[in-house]
Structures are given as C-alpha cells and as structure tokens.
C-alpha atoms as a PDB file:
ATOM      1  CA  UNK A   1      42.154  23.273  -9.154  1.00  0.00           C
ATOM      2  CA  UNK A   2      39.880  20.413 -10.224  1.00  0.00           C
ATOM      3  CA  UNK A   3      36.388  19.915  -8.837  1.00  0.00           C
ATOM      4  CA  UNK A   4      35.767  16.379  -7.608  1.00  0.00           C
ATOM      5  CA  UNK A   5      32.289  15.225  -8.597  1.00  0.00           C
ATOM      6  CA  UNK A   6      32.800  11.786  -7.079  1.00  0.00           C
ATOM      7  CA  UNK A   7      31.833   8.806  -9.145  1.00  0.00           C
ATOM      8  CA  UNK A   8      31.162   9.997 -12.709  1.00  0.00           C
ATOM      9  CA  UNK A   9      28.637   7.216 -13.355  1.00  0.00           C
ATOM     10  CA  UNK A  10      26.584   8.391 -10.356  1.00  0.00           C
ATOM     11  CA  UNK A  11      26.645  11.973 -11.654  1.00  0.00           C
ATOM     12  CA  UNK A  12      25.601  10.805 -15.127  1.00  0.00           C
ATOM     13  CA  UNK A  13      22.771   8.607 -13.837  1.00  0.00           C
ATOM     14  CA  UNK A  14      21.523  11.460 -11.642  1.00  0.00           C
ATOM     15  CA  UNK A  15      21.429  13.770 -14.653  1.00  0.00           C
ATOM     16  CA  UNK A  16      19.590  11.147 -16.712  1.00  0.00           C
ATOM     17  CA  UNK A  17      17.051  10.679 -13.903  1.00  0.00           C
ATOM     18  CA  UNK A  18      16.286  14.391 -13.994  1.00  0.00           C
ATOM     19  CA  UNK A  19      14.829  13.982 -17.478  1.00  0.00           C
ATOM     20  CA  UNK A  20      12.844  10.782 -16.958  1.00  0.00           C
ATOM     21  CA  UNK A  21       9.090  11.107 -17.192  1.00  0.00           C
ATOM     22  CA  UNK A  22       7.516   9.940 -13.916  1.00  0.00           C
ATOM     23  CA  UNK A  23       4.969   7.129 -14.195  1.00  0.00           C
ATOM     24  CA  UNK A  24       1.331   8.160 -14.368  1.00  0.00           C
ATOM     25  CA  UNK A  25      -0.356   8.061 -10.961  1.00  0.00           C
ATOM     26  CA  UNK A  26      -2.959   5.404 -10.285  1.00  0.00           C
ATOM     27  CA  UNK A  27      -6.486   6.631 -11.014  1.00  0.00           C
ATOM     28  CA  UNK A  28      -8.478   7.642  -7.939  1.00  0.00           C
ATOM     29  CA  UNK A  29     -10.803   5.017  -6.514  1.00  0.00           C
ATOM     30  CA  UNK A  30     -14.425   6.182  -6.438  1.00  0.00           C
ATOM     31  CA  UNK A  31     -15.709   6.809  -2.896  1.00  0.00           C
ATOM     32  CA  UNK A  32     -18.506   4.262  -3.356  1.00  0.00           C
ATOM     33  CA  UNK A  33     -15.938   1.503  -3.958  1.00  0.00           C
ATOM     34  CA  UNK A  34     -13.877   2.588  -0.965  1.00  0.00           C
ATOM     35  CA  UNK A  35     -16.955   2.489   1.262  1.00  0.00           C
ATOM     36  CA  UNK A  36     -17.955  -0.909  -0.156  1.00  0.00           C
ATOM     37  CA  UNK A  37     -14.557  -2.345   0.797  1.00  0.00           C
ATOM     38  CA  UNK A  38     -15.072  -2.078   4.575  1.00  0.00           C
ATOM     39  CA  UNK A  39     -16.005  -5.759   4.703  1.00  0.00           C
ATOM     40  CA  UNK A  40     -12.692  -6.949   3.281  1.00  0.00           C
ATOM     41  CA  UNK A  41     -11.100  -9.587   5.501  1.00  0.00           C
ATOM     42  CA  UNK A  42      -7.727  -7.830   5.867  1.00  0.00           C
ATOM     43  CA  UNK A  43      -4.232  -9.187   5.291  1.00  0.00           C
ATOM     44  CA  UNK A  44      -3.589 -12.765   6.422  1.00  0.00           C
ATOM     45  CA  UNK A  45       0.008 -14.001   6.171  1.00  0.00           C
ATOM     46  CA  UNK A  46      -1.208 -17.596   6.482  1.00  0.00           C
ATOM     47  CA  UNK A  47      -3.713 -17.261   3.645  1.00  0.00           C
ATOM     48  CA  UNK A  48      -1.293 -15.368   1.380  1.00  0.00           C
ATOM     49  CA  UNK A  49       1.548 -17.873   1.854  1.00  0.00           C
ATOM     50  CA  UNK A  50      -0.848 -20.827   1.402  1.00  0.00           C
ATOM     51  CA  UNK A  51      -2.056 -19.346  -1.907  1.00  0.00           C
ATOM     52  CA  UNK A  52       1.523 -18.793  -3.118  1.00  0.00           C
ATOM     53  CA  UNK A  53       2.617 -22.296  -2.097  1.00  0.00           C
ATOM     54  CA  UNK A  54      -0.449 -23.793  -3.785  1.00  0.00           C
ATOM     55  CA  UNK A  55       0.415 -21.917  -6.999  1.00  0.00           C
ATOM     56  CA  UNK A  56       4.051 -23.077  -6.992  1.00  0.00           C
ATOM     57  CA  UNK A  57       2.864 -26.159  -8.883  1.00  0.00           C
ATOM     58  CA  UNK A  58       2.025 -23.826 -11.811  1.00  0.00           C
ATOM     59  CA  UNK A  59       5.737 -23.038 -12.009  1.00  0.00           C
ATOM     60  CA  UNK A  60       6.638 -26.721 -11.918  1.00  0.00           C
ATOM     61  CA  UNK A  61       7.880 -26.703  -8.325  1.00  0.00           C
ATOM     62  CA  UNK A  62       7.068 -29.577  -5.975  1.00  0.00           C
ATOM     63  CA  UNK A  63       4.403 -28.775  -3.392  1.00  0.00           C
ATOM     64  CA  UNK A  64       3.772 -30.524  -0.105  1.00  0.00           C
ATOM     65  CA  UNK A  65       5.880 -32.511   2.327  1.00  0.00           C
ATOM     66  CA  UNK A  66       9.321 -33.791   1.372  1.00  0.00           C
ATOM     67  CA  UNK A  67       9.742 -37.527   0.641  1.00  0.00           C
ATOM     68  CA  UNK A  68      11.014 -37.851   4.229  1.00  0.00           C
ATOM     69  CA  UNK A  69       7.678 -36.452   5.473  1.00  0.00           C
ATOM     70  CA  UNK A  70       9.252 -33.223   6.730  1.00  0.00           C
ATOM     71  CA  UNK A  71       7.831 -29.845   5.737  1.00  0.00           C
ATOM     72  CA  UNK A  72       9.640 -28.248   2.808  1.00  0.00           C
ATOM     73  CA  UNK A  73      12.155 -25.603   3.924  1.00  0.00           C
ATOM     74  CA  UNK A  74      11.218 -23.655   0.789  1.00  0.00           C
ATOM     75  CA  UNK A  75       7.583 -23.551   1.936  1.00  0.00           C
ATOM     76  CA  UNK A  76       8.661 -22.545   5.475  1.00  0.00           C
ATOM     77  CA  UNK A  77      10.750 -19.734   4.005  1.00  0.00           C
ATOM     78  CA  UNK A  78       7.824 -18.572   1.867  1.00  0.00           C
ATOM     79  CA  UNK A  79       5.621 -18.350   4.959  1.00  0.00           C
ATOM     80  CA  UNK A  80       8.323 -16.426   6.878  1.00  0.00           C
ATOM     81  CA  UNK A  81       8.808 -14.059   3.925  1.00  0.00           C
ATOM     82  CA  UNK A  82       5.089 -13.272   3.699  1.00  0.00           C
ATOM     83  CA  UNK A  83       4.770 -12.886   7.485  1.00  0.00           C
ATOM     84  CA  UNK A  84       7.558 -10.293   7.399  1.00  0.00           C
ATOM     85  CA  UNK A  85       6.054  -8.427   4.433  1.00  0.00           C
ATOM     86  CA  UNK A  86       2.631  -8.256   6.102  1.00  0.00           C
ATOM     87  CA  UNK A  87       4.247  -7.238   9.408  1.00  0.00           C
ATOM     88  CA  UNK A  88       6.104  -4.428   7.658  1.00  0.00           C
ATOM     89  CA  UNK A  89       2.915  -3.259   5.942  1.00  0.00           C
ATOM     90  CA  UNK A  90       0.769  -3.339   9.074  1.00  0.00           C
ATOM     91  CA  UNK A  91       3.364  -2.084  11.576  1.00  0.00           C
ATOM     92  CA  UNK A  92       5.741   0.130   9.588  1.00  0.00           C
ATOM     93  CA  UNK A  93       3.760   1.491   6.634  1.00  0.00           C
ATOM     94  CA  UNK A  94       2.366   4.997   6.812  1.00  0.00           C
ATOM     95  CA  UNK A  95      -0.722   6.090   4.931  1.00  0.00           C
ATOM     96  CA  UNK A  96      -1.412   9.778   4.528  1.00  0.00           C
ATOM     97  CA  UNK A  97      -4.580  11.030   2.889  1.00  0.00           C
ATOM     98  CA  UNK A  98      -5.138  14.525   1.569  1.00  0.00           C
ATOM     99  CA  UNK A  99      -8.054  16.585   0.320  1.00  0.00           C
ATOM    100  CA  UNK A 100      -7.799  19.062  -2.511  1.00  0.00           C
ATOM    101  CA  UNK A 101      -8.798  22.684  -2.296  1.00  0.00           C
ATOM    102  CA  UNK A 102     -12.334  23.101  -3.620  1.00  0.00           C
ATOM    103  CA  UNK A 103     -13.677  19.710  -2.528  1.00  0.00           C
ATOM    104  CA  UNK A 104     -17.358  19.650  -1.609  1.00  0.00           C
ATOM    105  CA  UNK A 105     -18.091  19.337   2.090  1.00  0.00           C
ATOM    106  CA  UNK A 106     -21.427  18.154   3.480  1.00  0.00           C
ATOM    107  CA  UNK A 107     -21.884  17.774   7.209  1.00  0.00           C
ATOM    108  CA  UNK A 108     -24.742  17.372   9.624  1.00  0.00           C
ATOM    109  CA  UNK A 109     -25.143  17.410  13.355  1.00  0.00           C
ATOM    110  CA  UNK A 110     -27.250  18.941  16.029  1.00  0.00           C
ATOM    111  CA  UNK A 111     -27.293  21.283  18.948  1.00  0.00           C
ATOM    112  CA  UNK A 112     -29.805  22.655  21.442  1.00  0.00           C
ATOM    113  CA  UNK A 113     -31.444  24.612  18.623  1.00  0.00           C
ATOM    114  CA  UNK A 114     -32.076  21.459  16.571  1.00  0.00           C
ATOM    115  CA  UNK A 115     -30.483  19.752  13.584  1.00  0.00           C
ATOM    116  CA  UNK A 116     -27.745  21.544  11.679  1.00  0.00           C
ATOM    117  CA  UNK A 117     -26.802  20.862   8.046  1.00  0.00           C
ATOM    118  CA  UNK A 118     -23.728  22.489   6.511  1.00  0.00           C
ATOM    119  CA  UNK A 119     -22.630  22.567   2.865  1.00  0.00           C
ATOM    120  CA  UNK A 120     -19.507  24.205   1.484  1.00  0.00           C
ATOM    121  CA  UNK A 121     -16.104  23.718  -0.103  1.00  0.00           C
ATOM    122  CA  UNK A 122     -12.642  23.322   1.339  1.00  0.00           C
ATOM    123  CA  UNK A 123     -10.466  26.411   1.159  1.00  0.00           C
ATOM    124  CA  UNK A 124      -7.172  24.765   2.044  1.00  0.00           C
ATOM    125  CA  UNK A 125      -5.717  21.289   1.614  1.00  0.00           C
ATOM    126  CA  UNK A 126      -6.329  18.874   4.481  1.00  0.00           C
ATOM    127  CA  UNK A 127      -4.559  15.719   5.529  1.00  0.00           C
ATOM    128  CA  UNK A 128      -5.126  12.684   7.693  1.00  0.00           C
ATOM    129  CA  UNK A 129      -3.727   9.261   8.463  1.00  0.00           C
ATOM    130  CA  UNK A 130      -4.929   5.707   7.906  1.00  0.00           C
ATOM    131  CA  UNK A 131      -4.024   2.162   8.915  1.00  0.00           C
ATOM    132  CA  UNK A 132      -3.369  -0.845   6.689  1.00  0.00           C
ATOM    133  CA  UNK A 133      -5.114  -3.932   8.032  1.00  0.00           C
END
C-alpha cells in the first residue's frame, strides 16, 4: 500500500523551508526614540499617494492630467491602492507588545499615607495591544 504525500514539489519545498535560516529580527527601538515619536502626524493616504505620484516622474512616467484634461486613471488607481493599504493597516492590523522576564519596573503613585514609589523587576512575561495611526 503506497502512502500518498500529495504534490511532491510541495513536500520538497516544505522540507527545504525547514532548514532555512530565518531573517534576523529588527533591532529594538530605544524607548527615548519611541517616546519622541508621539508627535508624528500619522498615516495619510492622500499625502502618501501624492508623494508616490510626484515621484513617478523619476521612473519616466507622465505625471498630471491627461492631454484631454481628465485625471489620469493610473493616478486614481494609485490613490485607491494607498487608501486600501492604509485602511488595512489602521483597521485590520494587530499590534501586540510584550515585556521580557527581568525587565526593570519603576512606578509611582499615592495613597492616603502619601506618595508611593516602587522599583522591581518583572517575574513573568507581559503583553499588551497597540493601535497603528
């Protein structure tokens, strides 16, 4: 009785993928830079598509209205494409953050007895969620 492994090329490519070295992860961004980025303007489909359309001239493509005066369908499509990408990022993307065991924790607060300052380390991994804007 023969065992059916399905498509042999799929089996072979799966075996090859088992031995591929995964790409190196991106280096962590220092907290100071993350905090400094709170004033970023956020994603603007209009601005992104305008920048791409403006740069199309670098590739030798015509930019601007058609000879008839109508807007280029290529430029309309570029704007639609970017609007959908930004929509997917802002509405469908999921960001999960995690903290490592042993991370330093500093906290402060207060109660009826006065101010409270706490210092310590995490003993288990933590997680949270974020939003792309």
